[in-house]
Amino acid sequence: MSNWRPDFQPEHLYFVTTKAIDYAHVFQRDVMKRLLLDTLDCFRIQTRMKLFCFVIMPNHLHFIAQFSAEYPLEDIMRDFKRQTSDRVIRHLQAEGNKRALDWLASKVKRPQKQTHKVWEDGYNAKDVASEDFLIQKMEYIHNNPCQPHWNLSDSPESYIWSTARFYLTDSPCIIPVDDVRKLLQ
């Protein structure tokens, strides 16, 4: 994955994307999506990250968040990917899913440092510099599951693994999020 990152500015909002290794559908099953969301929620609580918008797709994750100077984006992404990788591997081991574990092990380039590779190296982050850009990225995030090549949902709000339902119907989100509309008032 390309590794494009702006200079980090605390308190700015960022549109972040990170992808599974080789674009594999590691997060196809709901249990894997739940692992990602639970970890994202823990980071929201522990690091004072404000999470405004997200979508979990079968092979990638998009989110819009605001990070503190004490726990910047780069640190959160490093730790998030490490923790989610550990949780995915432990879950696959508990299931006895040797095929998936062997495949993830085959993707490791430096076996002395890791045993399995869940994520592509790096991530993409874009500074949300305007309200128009924010709205564009939120629409992109929420409509992603409805795209013909995914066809995961008939409507954005019916895909539970995103914030679409929260923003489009004012229903609770699957995990707590910060309401970006409060920033726009």
C-alpha atoms as a PDB file:
ATOM      1  CA  MET A   1       0.000   0.000   0.000  1.00  0.00           C
ATOM      2  CA  SER A   2       1.250   3.464  -0.726  1.00  0.00           C
ATOM      3  CA  ASN A   3       2.312   5.293   2.356  1.00  0.00           C
ATOM      4  CA  TRP A   4       1.090   8.847   1.919  1.00  0.00           C
ATOM      5  CA  ARG A   5       0.909  10.864   5.098  1.00  0.00           C
ATOM      6  CA  PRO A   6       0.687  14.591   5.656  1.00  0.00           C
ATOM      7  CA  ASP A   7       2.711  16.247   8.390  1.00  0.00           C
ATOM      8  CA  PHE A   8       0.789  15.403  11.534  1.00  0.00           C
ATOM      9  CA  GLN A   9      -1.094  18.283  13.110  1.00  0.00           C
ATOM     10  CA  PRO A  10      -2.715  17.527  16.466  1.00  0.00           C
ATOM     11  CA  GLU A  11      -6.400  18.316  16.563  1.00  0.00           C
ATOM     12  CA  HIS A  12      -6.790  18.088  12.756  1.00  0.00           C
ATOM     13  CA  LEU A  13      -9.163  15.491  11.356  1.00  0.00           C
ATOM     14  CA  TYR A  14      -7.682  12.760   9.155  1.00  0.00           C
ATOM     15  CA  PHE A  15      -9.190  10.386   6.605  1.00  0.00           C
ATOM     16  CA  VAL A  16      -7.277   7.123   7.108  1.00  0.00           C
ATOM     17  CA  THR A  17      -7.184   3.925   5.053  1.00  0.00           C
ATOM     18  CA  THR A  18      -5.338   0.715   5.828  1.00  0.00           C
ATOM     19  CA  LYS A  19      -5.517  -2.573   3.933  1.00  0.00           C
ATOM     20  CA  ALA A  20      -5.138  -6.272   4.642  1.00  0.00           C
ATOM     21  CA  ILE A  21      -2.089  -8.030   3.241  1.00  0.00           C
ATOM     22  CA  ASP A  22      -2.400  -8.635  -0.508  1.00  0.00           C
ATOM     23  CA  TYR A  23      -5.913  -7.187  -0.295  1.00  0.00           C
ATOM     24  CA  ALA A  24      -7.040 -10.542   1.102  1.00  0.00           C
ATOM     25  CA  HIS A  25     -10.532 -10.698   2.569  1.00  0.00           C
ATOM     26  CA  VAL A  26      -9.233 -11.207   6.096  1.00  0.00           C
ATOM     27  CA  PHE A  27     -12.183  -9.263   7.549  1.00  0.00           C
ATOM     28  CA  GLN A  28     -14.935 -10.955   5.525  1.00  0.00           C
ATOM     29  CA  ARG A  29     -16.495 -12.648   8.543  1.00  0.00           C
ATOM     30  CA  ASP A  30     -18.399 -10.646  11.143  1.00  0.00           C
ATOM     31  CA  VAL A  31     -16.225 -11.985  13.955  1.00  0.00           C
ATOM     32  CA  MET A  32     -13.160 -10.405  12.310  1.00  0.00           C
ATOM     33  CA  LYS A  33     -14.969  -7.111  11.758  1.00  0.00           C
ATOM     34  CA  ARG A  34     -15.923  -7.155  15.437  1.00  0.00           C
ATOM     35  CA  LEU A  35     -12.259  -7.649  16.427  1.00  0.00           C
ATOM     36  CA  LEU A  36     -11.330  -4.528  14.455  1.00  0.00           C
ATOM     37  CA  LEU A  37     -14.165  -2.462  15.905  1.00  0.00           C
ATOM     38  CA  ASP A  38     -13.503  -3.517  19.486  1.00  0.00           C
ATOM     39  CA  THR A  39      -9.858  -2.520  19.099  1.00  0.00           C
ATOM     40  CA  LEU A  40     -10.788   0.777  17.439  1.00  0.00           C
ATOM     41  CA  ASP A  41     -13.166   1.493  20.316  1.00  0.00           C
ATOM     42  CA  CYS A  42     -10.450   0.730  22.886  1.00  0.00           C
ATOM     43  CA  PHE A  43      -8.119   3.161  21.134  1.00  0.00           C
ATOM     44  CA  ARG A  44     -10.863   5.771  21.112  1.00  0.00           C
ATOM     45  CA  ILE A  45     -11.175   5.443  24.884  1.00  0.00           C
ATOM     46  CA  GLN A  46      -7.515   4.954  25.854  1.00  0.00           C
ATOM     47  CA  THR A  47      -5.896   7.548  23.596  1.00  0.00           C
ATOM     48  CA  ARG A  48      -8.561  10.255  23.555  1.00  0.00           C
ATOM     49  CA  MET A  49      -8.855   9.743  19.805  1.00  0.00           C
ATOM     50  CA  LYS A  50     -12.108  11.175  18.501  1.00  0.00           C
ATOM     51  CA  LEU A  51     -13.641   8.714  16.057  1.00  0.00           C
ATOM     52  CA  PHE A  52     -16.155  10.379  13.748  1.00  0.00           C
ATOM     53  CA  CYS A  53     -16.749   7.982  10.884  1.00  0.00           C
ATOM     54  CA  PHE A  54     -15.707   4.470   9.800  1.00  0.00           C
ATOM     55  CA  VAL A  55     -16.427   1.499   7.593  1.00  0.00           C
ATOM     56  CA  ILE A  56     -15.027  -2.013   7.909  1.00  0.00           C
ATOM     57  CA  MET A  57     -14.760  -3.728   4.542  1.00  0.00           C
ATOM     58  CA  PRO A  58     -13.664  -7.327   3.798  1.00  0.00           C
ATOM     59  CA  ASN A  59     -10.079  -6.262   3.055  1.00  0.00           C
ATOM     60  CA  HIS A  60      -9.676  -2.711   4.344  1.00  0.00           C
ATOM     61  CA  LEU A  61     -10.750  -0.099   6.823  1.00  0.00           C
ATOM     62  CA  HIS A  62     -11.524   3.607   6.338  1.00  0.00           C
ATOM     63  CA  PHE A  63     -12.068   6.038   9.175  1.00  0.00           C
ATOM     64  CA  ILE A  64     -12.069   9.739   9.995  1.00  0.00           C
ATOM     65  CA  ALA A  65     -10.619  10.687  13.362  1.00  0.00           C
ATOM     66  CA  GLN A  66      -8.882  13.378  15.356  1.00  0.00           C
ATOM     67  CA  PHE A  67      -5.740  12.523  17.329  1.00  0.00           C
ATOM     68  CA  SER A  68      -4.002  14.092  20.304  1.00  0.00           C
ATOM     69  CA  ALA A  69      -0.414  15.314  20.414  1.00  0.00           C
ATOM     70  CA  GLU A  70       0.275  12.746  23.157  1.00  0.00           C
ATOM     71  CA  TYR A  71      -0.829   9.848  20.957  1.00  0.00           C
ATOM     72  CA  PRO A  72      -0.408  10.884  17.316  1.00  0.00           C
ATOM     73  CA  LEU A  73      -1.759   9.114  14.254  1.00  0.00           C
ATOM     74  CA  GLU A  74       1.478   7.262  13.496  1.00  0.00           C
ATOM     75  CA  ASP A  75       1.606   5.736  16.994  1.00  0.00           C
ATOM     76  CA  ILE A  76      -2.067   4.798  16.927  1.00  0.00           C
ATOM     77  CA  MET A  77      -1.758   3.095  13.549  1.00  0.00           C
ATOM     78  CA  ARG A  78       1.340   1.157  14.618  1.00  0.00           C
ATOM     79  CA  ASP A  79      -0.310  -0.035  17.822  1.00  0.00           C
ATOM     80  CA  PHE A  80      -3.736  -0.621  16.237  1.00  0.00           C
ATOM     81  CA  LYS A  81      -2.270  -2.830  13.517  1.00  0.00           C
ATOM     82  CA  ARG A  82      -0.142  -4.732  16.025  1.00  0.00           C
ATOM     83  CA  GLN A  83      -3.061  -5.368  18.390  1.00  0.00           C
ATOM     84  CA  THR A  84      -5.545  -6.303  15.679  1.00  0.00           C
ATOM     85  CA  SER A  85      -2.985  -8.641  14.098  1.00  0.00           C
ATOM     86  CA  ASP A  86      -2.463 -10.374  17.432  1.00  0.00           C
ATOM     87  CA  ARG A  87      -6.214 -10.711  17.967  1.00  0.00           C
ATOM     88  CA  VAL A  88      -6.843 -12.054  14.442  1.00  0.00           C
ATOM     89  CA  ILE A  89      -4.030 -14.608  14.792  1.00  0.00           C
ATOM     90  CA  ARG A  90      -5.217 -15.732  18.246  1.00  0.00           C
ATOM     91  CA  HIS A  91      -8.749 -16.133  16.904  1.00  0.00           C
ATOM     92  CA  LEU A  92      -7.587 -18.173  13.912  1.00  0.00           C
ATOM     93  CA  GLN A  93      -5.478 -20.343  16.230  1.00  0.00           C
ATOM     94  CA  ALA A  94      -8.456 -20.921  18.539  1.00  0.00           C
ATOM     95  CA  GLU A  95     -10.514 -21.963  15.501  1.00  0.00           C
ATOM     96  CA  GLY A  96      -7.732 -24.256  14.309  1.00  0.00           C
ATOM     97  CA  ASN A  97      -7.760 -22.470  10.942  1.00  0.00           C
ATOM     98  CA  LYS A  98      -4.407 -23.824   9.743  1.00  0.00           C
ATOM     99  CA  ARG A  99      -4.968 -22.832   6.122  1.00  0.00           C
ATOM    100  CA  ALA A 100      -5.434 -19.120   6.945  1.00  0.00           C
ATOM    101  CA  LEU A 101      -2.579 -19.167   9.468  1.00  0.00           C
ATOM    102  CA  ASP A 102      -0.210 -20.819   6.973  1.00  0.00           C
ATOM    103  CA  TRP A 103      -1.131 -18.270   4.317  1.00  0.00           C
ATOM    104  CA  LEU A 104      -0.584 -15.315   6.688  1.00  0.00           C
ATOM    105  CA  ALA A 105       2.732 -16.876   7.783  1.00  0.00           C
ATOM    106  CA  SER A 106       3.836 -17.150   4.139  1.00  0.00           C
ATOM    107  CA  LYS A 107       3.510 -13.356   3.783  1.00  0.00           C
ATOM    108  CA  VAL A 108       6.136 -12.607   6.448  1.00  0.00           C
ATOM    109  CA  LYS A 109       9.339 -11.104   5.036  1.00  0.00           C
ATOM    110  CA  ARG A 110      11.293 -10.931   8.317  1.00  0.00           C
ATOM    111  CA  PRO A 111      10.472 -14.073  10.324  1.00  0.00           C
ATOM    112  CA  GLN A 112      12.740 -13.007  13.188  1.00  0.00           C
ATOM    113  CA  LYS A 113      10.352 -10.077  13.861  1.00  0.00           C
ATOM    114  CA  GLN A 114       6.914 -11.608  13.256  1.00  0.00           C
ATOM    115  CA  THR A 115       5.206 -14.926  12.588  1.00  0.00           C
ATOM    116  CA  HIS A 116       2.185 -13.805  10.532  1.00  0.00           C
ATOM    117  CA  LYS A 117       1.351 -10.759   8.434  1.00  0.00           C
ATOM    118  CA  VAL A 118      -2.235  -9.455   8.531  1.00  0.00           C
ATOM    119  CA  TRP A 119      -1.809  -5.876   7.240  1.00  0.00           C
ATOM    120  CA  GLU A 120      -0.045  -4.245   4.322  1.00  0.00           C
ATOM    121  CA  ASP A 121       2.838  -2.066   5.461  1.00  0.00           C
ATOM    122  CA  GLY A 122       1.939   1.553   6.035  1.00  0.00           C
ATOM    123  CA  TYR A 123      -1.353   3.328   5.687  1.00  0.00           C
ATOM    124  CA  ASN A 124      -2.777   6.300   3.841  1.00  0.00           C
ATOM    125  CA  ALA A 125      -3.824   9.442   5.711  1.00  0.00           C
ATOM    126  CA  LYS A 126      -5.202  12.683   4.327  1.00  0.00           C
ATOM    127  CA  ASP A 127      -5.708  15.859   6.301  1.00  0.00           C
ATOM    128  CA  VAL A 128      -9.383  16.820   6.221  1.00  0.00           C
ATOM    129  CA  ALA A 129      -8.766  20.434   5.301  1.00  0.00           C
ATOM    130  CA  SER A 130     -12.297  21.558   4.485  1.00  0.00           C
ATOM    131  CA  GLU A 131     -15.939  20.840   5.216  1.00  0.00           C
ATOM    132  CA  ASP A 132     -16.455  19.854   1.561  1.00  0.00           C
ATOM    133  CA  PHE A 133     -13.639  17.293   1.765  1.00  0.00           C
ATOM    134  CA  LEU A 134     -15.087  15.935   5.026  1.00  0.00           C
ATOM    135  CA  ILE A 135     -18.534  15.481   3.489  1.00  0.00           C
ATOM    136  CA  GLN A 136     -17.053  13.897   0.347  1.00  0.00           C
ATOM    137  CA  LYS A 137     -15.070  11.353   2.387  1.00  0.00           C
ATOM    138  CA  MET A 138     -17.987  10.566   4.692  1.00  0.00           C
ATOM    139  CA  GLU A 139     -20.192   9.883   1.667  1.00  0.00           C
ATOM    140  CA  TYR A 140     -17.446   7.721   0.177  1.00  0.00           C
ATOM    141  CA  ILE A 141     -17.081   5.764   3.434  1.00  0.00           C
ATOM    142  CA  HIS A 142     -20.813   5.241   3.856  1.00  0.00           C
ATOM    143  CA  ASN A 143     -21.458   4.273   0.231  1.00  0.00           C
ATOM    144  CA  ASN A 144     -18.487   1.901  -0.037  1.00  0.00           C
ATOM    145  CA  PRO A 145     -20.445  -1.262   0.960  1.00  0.00           C
ATOM    146  CA  CYS A 146     -23.093  -0.489  -1.692  1.00  0.00           C
ATOM    147  CA  GLN A 147     -20.648  -0.273  -4.592  1.00  0.00           C
ATOM    148  CA  PRO A 148     -21.393  -2.864  -7.311  1.00  0.00           C
ATOM    149  CA  HIS A 149     -18.004  -4.566  -6.932  1.00  0.00           C
ATOM    150  CA  TRP A 150     -18.728  -5.118  -3.213  1.00  0.00           C
ATOM    151  CA  ASN A 151     -22.521  -5.430  -3.128  1.00  0.00           C
ATOM    152  CA  LEU A 152     -22.459  -5.880   0.664  1.00  0.00           C
ATOM    153  CA  SER A 153     -25.609  -3.878   1.304  1.00  0.00           C
ATOM    154  CA  ASP A 154     -28.615  -2.405  -0.476  1.00  0.00           C
ATOM    155  CA  SER A 155     -28.311   0.861   1.424  1.00  0.00           C
ATOM    156  CA  PRO A 156     -25.572   2.545   3.464  1.00  0.00           C
ATOM    157  CA  GLU A 157     -27.665   2.568   6.650  1.00  0.00           C
ATOM    158  CA  SER A 158     -28.332  -1.182   6.514  1.00  0.00           C
ATOM    159  CA  TYR A 159     -24.602  -2.010   6.657  1.00  0.00           C
ATOM    160  CA  ILE A 160     -23.949  -2.262  10.390  1.00  0.00           C
ATOM    161  CA  TRP A 161     -20.144  -2.142  10.096  1.00  0.00           C
ATOM    162  CA  SER A 162     -20.102   1.608   9.496  1.00  0.00           C
ATOM    163  CA  THR A 163     -21.359   4.886  10.904  1.00  0.00           C
ATOM    164  CA  ALA A 164     -23.908   5.355   8.106  1.00  0.00           C
ATOM    165  CA  ARG A 165     -26.869   4.318  10.260  1.00  0.00           C
ATOM    166  CA  PHE A 166     -25.806   6.789  12.968  1.00  0.00           C
ATOM    167  CA  TYR A 167     -25.610   9.730  10.563  1.00  0.00           C
ATOM    168  CA  LEU A 168     -28.494   8.865   8.229  1.00  0.00           C
ATOM    169  CA  THR A 169     -31.114   7.673  10.725  1.00  0.00           C
ATOM    170  CA  ASP A 170     -29.859   8.989  14.096  1.00  0.00           C
ATOM    171  CA  SER A 171     -29.782   5.392  15.359  1.00  0.00           C
ATOM    172  CA  PRO A 172     -27.032   4.193  17.697  1.00  0.00           C
ATOM    173  CA  CYS A 173     -23.826   3.049  16.044  1.00  0.00           C
ATOM    174  CA  ILE A 174     -22.367  -0.413  16.664  1.00  0.00           C
ATOM    175  CA  ILE A 175     -19.660   1.316  18.769  1.00  0.00           C
ATOM    176  CA  PRO A 176     -19.748   4.820  20.273  1.00  0.00           C
ATOM    177  CA  VAL A 177     -18.552   7.589  17.962  1.00  0.00           C
ATOM    178  CA  ASP A 178     -18.113  11.326  18.171  1.00  0.00           C
ATOM    179  CA  ASP A 179     -20.682  13.272  16.174  1.00  0.00           C
ATOM    180  CA  VAL A 180     -18.898  15.303  13.502  1.00  0.00           C
ATOM    181  CA  ARG A 181     -22.017  17.436  13.053  1.00  0.00           C
ATOM    182  CA  LYS A 182     -21.147  19.144  16.341  1.00  0.00           C
ATOM    183  CA  LEU A 183     -17.940  20.431  14.736  1.00  0.00           C
ATOM    184  CA  LEU A 184     -19.879  21.863  11.809  1.00  0.00           C
ATOM    185  CA  GLN A 185     -22.301  23.965  13.871  1.00  0.00           C
END
